[in-house]
Amino acid sequence: SYRSKTVIFWGKSDTATPLKSGELIHSYIKNSSFYPLEGDHYFFTKPKNKKFIEETIRRQTNELF
């Protein structure tokens, strides 16, 4: 099974891959963090979400080193 630290971002209103799919993936990856964000399949294009994603990845990366 996959054991690396994983960060998962998901759109709460995603109809292409529903939130339940993200939650399921998160449950399969033991060392994962799950962040449901406002928006659909393209939640990452919203400036607020983009900033949160960048900050979260930066923080997670700093914790590794």
PDB file of N, CA and C in Angstrom:
ATOM      1  N   SER A   1       0.832  -1.189   0.000  1.00  0.00           N
ATOM      2  CA  SER A   1       0.000   0.000   0.000  1.00  0.00           C
ATOM      3  C   SER A   1       0.875   1.251   0.000  1.00  0.00           C
ATOM      4  N   TYR A   2       0.309   2.348  -0.426  1.00  0.00           N
ATOM      5  CA  TYR A   2       1.027   3.617  -0.539  1.00  0.00           C
ATOM      6  C   TYR A   2       1.210   4.218   0.843  1.00  0.00           C
ATOM      7  N   ARG A   3       2.433   4.612   1.188  1.00  0.00           N
ATOM      8  CA  ARG A   3       2.699   5.085   2.549  1.00  0.00           C
ATOM      9  C   ARG A   3       3.282   6.492   2.633  1.00  0.00           C
ATOM     10  N   SER A   4       3.580   7.097   1.512  1.00  0.00           N
ATOM     11  CA  SER A   4       4.162   8.438   1.542  1.00  0.00           C
ATOM     12  C   SER A   4       3.129   9.457   2.014  1.00  0.00           C
ATOM     13  N   LYS A   5       3.634  10.556   2.572  1.00  0.00           N
ATOM     14  CA  LYS A   5       2.742  11.624   3.008  1.00  0.00           C
ATOM     15  C   LYS A   5       2.035  12.202   1.786  1.00  0.00           C
ATOM     16  N   THR A   6       0.732  12.310   1.879  1.00  0.00           N
ATOM     17  CA  THR A   6      -0.077  12.727   0.741  1.00  0.00           C
ATOM     18  C   THR A   6      -1.061  13.809   1.163  1.00  0.00           C
ATOM     19  N   VAL A   7      -1.213  14.823   0.323  1.00  0.00           N
ATOM     20  CA  VAL A   7      -2.180  15.886   0.556  1.00  0.00           C
ATOM     21  C   VAL A   7      -3.207  15.801  -0.561  1.00  0.00           C
ATOM     22  N   ILE A   8      -4.473  15.721  -0.177  1.00  0.00           N
ATOM     23  CA  ILE A   8      -5.562  15.589  -1.145  1.00  0.00           C
ATOM     24  C   ILE A   8      -6.482  16.800  -1.018  1.00  0.00           C
ATOM     25  N   PHE A   9      -6.690  17.498  -2.123  1.00  0.00           N
ATOM     26  CA  PHE A   9      -7.626  18.618  -2.192  1.00  0.00           C
ATOM     27  C   PHE A   9      -8.784  18.162  -3.073  1.00  0.00           C
ATOM     28  N   TRP A  10     -10.016  18.559  -2.713  1.00  0.00           N
ATOM     29  CA  TRP A  10     -11.181  18.096  -3.469  1.00  0.00           C
ATOM     30  C   TRP A  10     -12.249  19.173  -3.476  1.00  0.00           C
ATOM     31  N   GLY A  11     -12.955  19.303  -4.573  1.00  0.00           N
ATOM     32  CA  GLY A  11     -14.064  20.247  -4.672  1.00  0.00           C
ATOM     33  C   GLY A  11     -15.322  19.672  -4.025  1.00  0.00           C
ATOM     34  N   LYS A  12     -15.892  20.407  -3.094  1.00  0.00           N
ATOM     35  CA  LYS A  12     -17.092  19.934  -2.395  1.00  0.00           C
ATOM     36  C   LYS A  12     -18.272  19.706  -3.334  1.00  0.00           C
ATOM     37  N   SER A  13     -18.347  20.481  -4.402  1.00  0.00           N
ATOM     38  CA  SER A  13     -19.479  20.394  -5.331  1.00  0.00           C
ATOM     39  C   SER A  13     -19.104  19.695  -6.633  1.00  0.00           C
ATOM     40  N   ASP A  14     -18.050  18.926  -6.620  1.00  0.00           N
ATOM     41  CA  ASP A  14     -17.574  18.224  -7.821  1.00  0.00           C
ATOM     42  C   ASP A  14     -18.588  17.151  -8.215  1.00  0.00           C
ATOM     43  N   THR A  15     -19.092  17.217  -9.439  1.00  0.00           N
ATOM     44  CA  THR A  15     -20.027  16.196  -9.922  1.00  0.00           C
ATOM     45  C   THR A  15     -19.326  15.170 -10.811  1.00  0.00           C
ATOM     46  N   ALA A  16     -18.148  15.507 -11.331  1.00  0.00           N
ATOM     47  CA  ALA A  16     -17.380  14.563 -12.152  1.00  0.00           C
ATOM     48  C   ALA A  16     -16.771  13.478 -11.272  1.00  0.00           C
ATOM     49  N   THR A  17     -16.201  13.892 -10.158  1.00  0.00           N
ATOM     50  CA  THR A  17     -15.662  12.966  -9.154  1.00  0.00           C
ATOM     51  C   THR A  17     -16.155  13.474  -7.800  1.00  0.00           C
ATOM     52  N   PRO A  18     -17.262  12.942  -7.330  1.00  0.00           N
ATOM     53  CA  PRO A  18     -17.910  13.442  -6.117  1.00  0.00           C
ATOM     54  C   PRO A  18     -17.028  13.399  -4.876  1.00  0.00           C
ATOM     55  N   LEU A  19     -17.400  14.198  -3.909  1.00  0.00           N
ATOM     56  CA  LEU A  19     -16.675  14.296  -2.651  1.00  0.00           C
ATOM     57  C   LEU A  19     -16.464  12.925  -2.017  1.00  0.00           C
ATOM     58  N   LYS A  20     -17.446  12.050  -2.133  1.00  0.00           N
ATOM     59  CA  LYS A  20     -17.316  10.694  -1.576  1.00  0.00           C
ATOM     60  C   LYS A  20     -16.105   9.967  -2.166  1.00  0.00           C
ATOM     61  N   SER A  21     -15.796  10.223  -3.430  1.00  0.00           N
ATOM     62  CA  SER A  21     -14.630   9.600  -4.060  1.00  0.00           C
ATOM     63  C   SER A  21     -13.345  10.072  -3.392  1.00  0.00           C
ATOM     64  N   GLY A  22     -13.261  11.354  -3.117  1.00  0.00           N
ATOM     65  CA  GLY A  22     -12.092  11.896  -2.430  1.00  0.00           C
ATOM     66  C   GLY A  22     -11.955  11.347  -1.029  1.00  0.00           C
ATOM     67  N   GLU A  23     -13.077  11.245  -0.345  1.00  0.00           N
ATOM     68  CA  GLU A  23     -13.060  10.696   1.013  1.00  0.00           C
ATOM     69  C   GLU A  23     -12.599   9.239   0.999  1.00  0.00           C
ATOM     70  N   LEU A  24     -13.027   8.494  -0.009  1.00  0.00           N
ATOM     71  CA  LEU A  24     -12.631   7.092  -0.133  1.00  0.00           C
ATOM     72  C   LEU A  24     -11.125   6.973  -0.396  1.00  0.00           C
ATOM     73  N   ILE A  25     -10.623   7.772  -1.307  1.00  0.00           N
ATOM     74  CA  ILE A  25      -9.189   7.775  -1.594  1.00  0.00           C
ATOM     75  C   ILE A  25      -8.404   8.106  -0.322  1.00  0.00           C
ATOM     76  N   HIS A  26      -8.872   9.117   0.380  1.00  0.00           N
ATOM     77  CA  HIS A  26      -8.230   9.514   1.646  1.00  0.00           C
ATOM     78  C   HIS A  26      -8.211   8.344   2.643  1.00  0.00           C
ATOM     79  N   SER A  27      -9.281   7.583   2.698  1.00  0.00           N
ATOM     80  CA  SER A  27      -9.340   6.460   3.645  1.00  0.00           C
ATOM     81  C   SER A  27      -8.363   5.344   3.276  1.00  0.00           C
ATOM     82  N   TYR A  28      -7.990   5.254   2.010  1.00  0.00           N
ATOM     83  CA  TYR A  28      -7.059   4.221   1.555  1.00  0.00           C
ATOM     84  C   TYR A  28      -5.596   4.595   1.770  1.00  0.00           C
ATOM     85  N   ILE A  29      -5.314   5.879   1.915  1.00  0.00           N
ATOM     86  CA  ILE A  29      -3.932   6.344   2.067  1.00  0.00           C
ATOM     87  C   ILE A  29      -3.727   6.743   3.528  1.00  0.00           C
ATOM     88  N   LYS A  30      -3.011   5.921   4.249  1.00  0.00           N
ATOM     89  CA  LYS A  30      -2.869   6.110   5.699  1.00  0.00           C
ATOM     90  C   LYS A  30      -2.264   7.449   6.086  1.00  0.00           C
ATOM     91  N   ASN A  31      -1.249   7.874   5.402  1.00  0.00           N
ATOM     92  CA  ASN A  31      -0.540   9.095   5.773  1.00  0.00           C
ATOM     93  C   ASN A  31      -1.006  10.268   4.908  1.00  0.00           C
ATOM     94  N   SER A  32      -2.336  10.478   4.863  1.00  0.00           N
ATOM     95  CA  SER A  32      -2.855  11.539   4.010  1.00  0.00           C
ATOM     96  C   SER A  32      -3.644  12.572   4.812  1.00  0.00           C
ATOM     97  N   SER A  33      -3.684  13.767   4.239  1.00  0.00           N
ATOM     98  CA  SER A  33      -4.507  14.858   4.758  1.00  0.00           C
ATOM     99  C   SER A  33      -5.529  15.157   3.672  1.00  0.00           C
ATOM    100  N   PHE A  34      -6.764  15.418   4.068  1.00  0.00           N
ATOM    101  CA  PHE A  34      -7.844  15.642   3.107  1.00  0.00           C
ATOM    102  C   PHE A  34      -8.462  17.017   3.331  1.00  0.00           C
ATOM    103  N   TYR A  35      -8.523  17.806   2.262  1.00  0.00           N
ATOM    104  CA  TYR A  35      -9.055  19.156   2.336  1.00  0.00           C
ATOM    105  C   TYR A  35     -10.166  19.346   1.308  1.00  0.00           C
ATOM    106  N   PRO A  36     -11.426  19.235   1.714  1.00  0.00           N
ATOM    107  CA  PRO A  36     -12.524  19.552   0.798  1.00  0.00           C
ATOM    108  C   PRO A  36     -12.668  21.076   0.711  1.00  0.00           C
ATOM    109  N   LEU A  37     -12.650  21.590  -0.499  1.00  0.00           N
ATOM    110  CA  LEU A  37     -12.698  23.039  -0.708  1.00  0.00           C
ATOM    111  C   LEU A  37     -13.957  23.433  -1.467  1.00  0.00           C
ATOM    112  N   GLU A  38     -14.368  24.677  -1.292  1.00  0.00           N
ATOM    113  CA  GLU A  38     -15.553  25.188  -1.992  1.00  0.00           C
ATOM    114  C   GLU A  38     -15.307  25.159  -3.495  1.00  0.00           C
ATOM    115  N   GLY A  39     -16.283  24.643  -4.224  1.00  0.00           N
ATOM    116  CA  GLY A  39     -16.185  24.646  -5.674  1.00  0.00           C
ATOM    117  C   GLY A  39     -16.433  23.281  -6.278  1.00  0.00           C
ATOM    118  N   ASP A  40     -16.373  23.252  -7.607  1.00  0.00           N
ATOM    119  CA  ASP A  40     -16.654  22.027  -8.355  1.00  0.00           C
ATOM    120  C   ASP A  40     -15.353  21.339  -8.765  1.00  0.00           C
ATOM    121  N   HIS A  41     -15.356  20.697  -9.920  1.00  0.00           N
ATOM    122  CA  HIS A  41     -14.198  19.952 -10.394  1.00  0.00           C
ATOM    123  C   HIS A  41     -12.980  20.869 -10.609  1.00  0.00           C
ATOM    124  N   TYR A  42     -13.247  22.151 -10.817  1.00  0.00           N
ATOM    125  CA  TYR A  42     -12.169  23.127 -11.055  1.00  0.00           C
ATOM    126  C   TYR A  42     -11.994  24.062  -9.853  1.00  0.00           C
ATOM    127  N   PHE A  43     -12.174  23.527  -8.665  1.00  0.00           N
ATOM    128  CA  PHE A  43     -12.055  24.297  -7.422  1.00  0.00           C
ATOM    129  C   PHE A  43     -10.712  25.007  -7.309  1.00  0.00           C
ATOM    130  N   PHE A  44      -9.684  24.424  -7.910  1.00  0.00           N
ATOM    131  CA  PHE A  44      -8.308  24.941  -7.790  1.00  0.00           C
ATOM    132  C   PHE A  44      -8.090  26.231  -8.562  1.00  0.00           C
ATOM    133  N   THR A  45      -9.047  26.628  -9.395  1.00  0.00           N
ATOM    134  CA  THR A  45      -8.898  27.875 -10.146  1.00  0.00           C
ATOM    135  C   THR A  45      -9.386  29.088  -9.360  1.00  0.00           C
ATOM    136  N   LYS A  46     -10.091  28.859  -8.276  1.00  0.00           N
ATOM    137  CA  LYS A  46     -10.563  29.976  -7.452  1.00  0.00           C
ATOM    138  C   LYS A  46      -9.375  30.549  -6.680  1.00  0.00           C
ATOM    139  N   PRO A  47      -9.186  31.871  -6.735  1.00  0.00           N
ATOM    140  CA  PRO A  47      -8.030  32.481  -6.071  1.00  0.00           C
ATOM    141  C   PRO A  47      -7.881  32.095  -4.592  1.00  0.00           C
ATOM    142  N   LYS A  48      -8.984  32.070  -3.858  1.00  0.00           N
ATOM    143  CA  LYS A  48      -8.926  31.712  -2.437  1.00  0.00           C
ATOM    144  C   LYS A  48      -8.412  30.288  -2.255  1.00  0.00           C
ATOM    145  N   ASN A  49      -8.913  29.362  -3.064  1.00  0.00           N
ATOM    146  CA  ASN A  49      -8.477  27.967  -2.975  1.00  0.00           C
ATOM    147  C   ASN A  49      -7.035  27.808  -3.430  1.00  0.00           C
ATOM    148  N   LYS A  50      -6.688  28.509  -4.506  1.00  0.00           N
ATOM    149  CA  LYS A  50      -5.311  28.435  -5.016  1.00  0.00           C
ATOM    150  C   LYS A  50      -4.319  28.856  -3.939  1.00  0.00           C
ATOM    151  N   LYS A  51      -4.624  29.941  -3.250  1.00  0.00           N
ATOM    152  CA  LYS A  51      -3.750  30.418  -2.183  1.00  0.00           C
ATOM    153  C   LYS A  51      -3.665  29.383  -1.063  1.00  0.00           C
ATOM    154  N   PHE A  52      -4.797  28.814  -0.661  1.00  0.00           N
ATOM    155  CA  PHE A  52      -4.815  27.806   0.403  1.00  0.00           C
ATOM    156  C   PHE A  52      -4.001  26.580  -0.003  1.00  0.00           C
ATOM    157  N   ILE A  53      -4.154  26.138  -1.236  1.00  0.00           N
ATOM    158  CA  ILE A  53      -3.414  24.969  -1.732  1.00  0.00           C
ATOM    159  C   ILE A  53      -1.912  25.246  -1.703  1.00  0.00           C
ATOM    160  N   GLU A  54      -1.508  26.401  -2.212  1.00  0.00           N
ATOM    161  CA  GLU A  54      -0.087  26.754  -2.222  1.00  0.00           C
ATOM    162  C   GLU A  54       0.487  26.818  -0.809  1.00  0.00           C
ATOM    163  N   GLU A  55      -0.235  27.444   0.099  1.00  0.00           N
ATOM    164  CA  GLU A  55       0.238  27.567   1.483  1.00  0.00           C
ATOM    165  C   GLU A  55       0.318  26.191   2.161  1.00  0.00           C
ATOM    166  N   THR A  56      -0.653  25.350   1.907  1.00  0.00           N
ATOM    167  CA  THR A  56      -0.679  24.023   2.517  1.00  0.00           C
ATOM    168  C   THR A  56       0.468  23.164   2.006  1.00  0.00           C
ATOM    169  N   ILE A  57       0.706  23.191   0.709  1.00  0.00           N
ATOM    170  CA  ILE A  57       1.811  22.420   0.143  1.00  0.00           C
ATOM    171  C   ILE A  57       3.143  22.940   0.673  1.00  0.00           C
ATOM    172  N   ARG A  58       3.285  24.252   0.740  1.00  0.00           N
ATOM    173  CA  ARG A  58       4.518  24.843   1.266  1.00  0.00           C
ATOM    174  C   ARG A  58       4.733  24.413   2.721  1.00  0.00           C
ATOM    175  N   ARG A  59       3.694  24.464   3.537  1.00  0.00           N
ATOM    176  CA  ARG A  59       3.792  24.085   4.942  1.00  0.00           C
ATOM    177  C   ARG A  59       4.131  22.592   5.071  1.00  0.00           C
ATOM    178  N   GLN A  60       3.466  21.751   4.298  1.00  0.00           N
ATOM    179  CA  GLN A  60       3.714  20.305   4.347  1.00  0.00           C
ATOM    180  C   GLN A  60       5.142  19.991   3.909  1.00  0.00           C
ATOM    181  N   THR A  61       5.625  20.677   2.888  1.00  0.00           N
ATOM    182  CA  THR A  61       6.988  20.465   2.404  1.00  0.00           C
ATOM    183  C   THR A  61       8.007  20.871   3.457  1.00  0.00           C
ATOM    184  N   ASN A  62       7.763  21.990   4.123  1.00  0.00           N
ATOM    185  CA  ASN A  62       8.686  22.457   5.167  1.00  0.00           C
ATOM    186  C   ASN A  62       8.743  21.472   6.325  1.00  0.00           C
ATOM    187  N   GLU A  63       7.643  20.799   6.612  1.00  0.00           N
ATOM    188  CA  GLU A  63       7.613  19.821   7.700  1.00  0.00           C
ATOM    189  C   GLU A  63       8.448  18.582   7.364  1.00  0.00           C
ATOM    190  N   LEU A  64       8.636  18.324   6.085  1.00  0.00           N
ATOM    191  CA  LEU A  64       9.406  17.146   5.672  1.00  0.00           C
ATOM    192  C   LEU A  64      10.904  17.346   5.816  1.00  0.00           C
ATOM    193  N   PHE A  65      11.351  18.614   5.691  1.00  0.00           N
ATOM    194  CA  PHE A  65      12.789  18.888   5.683  1.00  0.00           C
ATOM    195  C   PHE A  65      13.242  19.680   6.873  1.00  0.00           C
TER     196      PHE A  65
END
